[in-house]
Amino acid sequence: PRSTLSWHRDPEPRIHIPIITNPGCRMVIDENAFHMPADGSVWFVNTCKYHNFFNGGEQDRIQKTIDEAIKIEK
């Protein structure tokens, strides 16, 4: 709660799966801030761009991230 990550870039895009969140949580990429609700959604995010994440709420934020390098066979 009430914390933020520093601006950074990841070496590859990531898949984000919000587990626990609150309305005060925002990811910022390209000057756009957005909330990823913990409603079962899966987000593919280009984290190669500079980004940060902040939790302006009073609850913890728990999120599973998966590197894009995982291959999914059809």
Protein backbone atom coordinates (compact mmCIF):
# COMPACT_ATOMS: atom_id res chain seq x y z
CA PRO A 1 0.00 0.00 0.00
CA ARG A 2 1.03 3.61 -0.75
CA SER A 3 4.14 2.61 -2.70
CA THR A 4 5.52 2.75 -6.22
CA LEU A 5 8.10 1.07 -8.41
CA SER A 6 10.76 3.15 -10.14
CA TRP A 7 10.63 3.80 -13.89
CA HIS A 8 12.17 0.84 -15.65
CA ARG A 9 12.08 -1.37 -18.74
CA ASP A 10 11.95 -5.15 -18.81
CA PRO A 11 13.93 -7.18 -21.36
CA GLU A 12 10.75 -8.69 -22.83
CA PRO A 13 6.99 -8.13 -22.75
CA ARG A 14 5.14 -9.71 -19.86
CA ILE A 15 1.78 -11.27 -19.15
CA HIS A 16 0.13 -9.84 -16.02
CA ILE A 17 -2.56 -11.63 -14.02
CA PRO A 18 -3.93 -9.48 -11.18
CA ILE A 19 -4.73 -11.61 -8.10
CA ILE A 20 -5.48 -8.92 -5.47
CA THR A 21 -5.78 -5.25 -6.31
CA ASN A 22 -7.65 -2.08 -5.38
CA PRO A 23 -8.87 1.00 -7.31
CA GLY A 24 -5.73 2.94 -6.30
CA CYS A 25 -3.42 0.63 -8.29
CA ARG A 26 -2.28 1.97 -11.65
CA MET A 27 0.26 0.95 -14.27
CA VAL A 28 1.75 3.80 -16.28
CA ILE A 29 3.10 3.28 -19.82
CA ASP A 30 3.53 5.98 -22.47
CA GLU A 31 1.99 8.63 -20.19
CA ASN A 32 -1.20 6.52 -19.87
CA ALA A 33 -2.29 5.25 -16.47
CA PHE A 34 -4.65 2.30 -16.23
CA HIS A 35 -6.01 -0.10 -13.64
CA MET A 36 -5.87 -3.88 -14.09
CA PRO A 37 -8.79 -5.33 -12.09
CA ALA A 38 -8.54 -8.73 -10.39
CA ASP A 39 -11.51 -10.10 -12.32
CA GLY A 40 -9.87 -13.06 -14.05
CA SER A 41 -8.50 -10.95 -16.92
CA VAL A 42 -5.05 -11.63 -18.35
CA TRP A 43 -3.09 -8.65 -19.68
CA PHE A 44 -0.32 -8.77 -22.29
CA VAL A 45 1.80 -5.68 -21.59
CA ASN A 46 4.74 -4.36 -23.61
CA THR A 47 6.98 -3.80 -20.61
CA CYS A 48 9.95 -3.17 -22.92
CA LYS A 49 8.74 0.44 -22.83
CA TYR A 50 9.51 2.56 -19.78
CA HIS A 51 6.78 1.96 -17.19
CA ASN A 52 6.03 1.95 -13.51
CA PHE A 53 3.33 0.72 -11.21
CA PHE A 54 1.96 2.41 -8.14
CA ASN A 55 -0.38 1.36 -5.40
CA GLY A 56 -2.15 4.43 -4.04
CA GLY A 57 -4.60 2.32 -2.04
CA GLU A 58 -4.65 0.86 1.44
CA GLN A 59 -4.57 -2.82 0.38
CA ASP A 60 -1.77 -5.00 -0.93
CA ARG A 61 -1.44 -5.64 -4.66
CA ILE A 62 -0.57 -9.17 -5.73
CA GLN A 63 0.02 -9.92 -9.39
CA LYS A 64 1.43 -12.91 -11.24
CA THR A 65 3.75 -12.02 -14.13
CA ILE A 66 4.89 -14.38 -16.87
CA ASP A 67 7.68 -13.65 -19.34
CA GLU A 68 6.51 -13.53 -22.95
CA ALA A 69 9.29 -15.94 -23.88
CA ILE A 70 7.10 -18.88 -22.91
CA LYS A 71 5.97 -20.57 -26.13
CA ILE A 72 2.40 -21.77 -26.49
CA GLU A 73 1.92 -24.50 -29.07
CA LYS A 74 -1.38 -24.82 -30.95
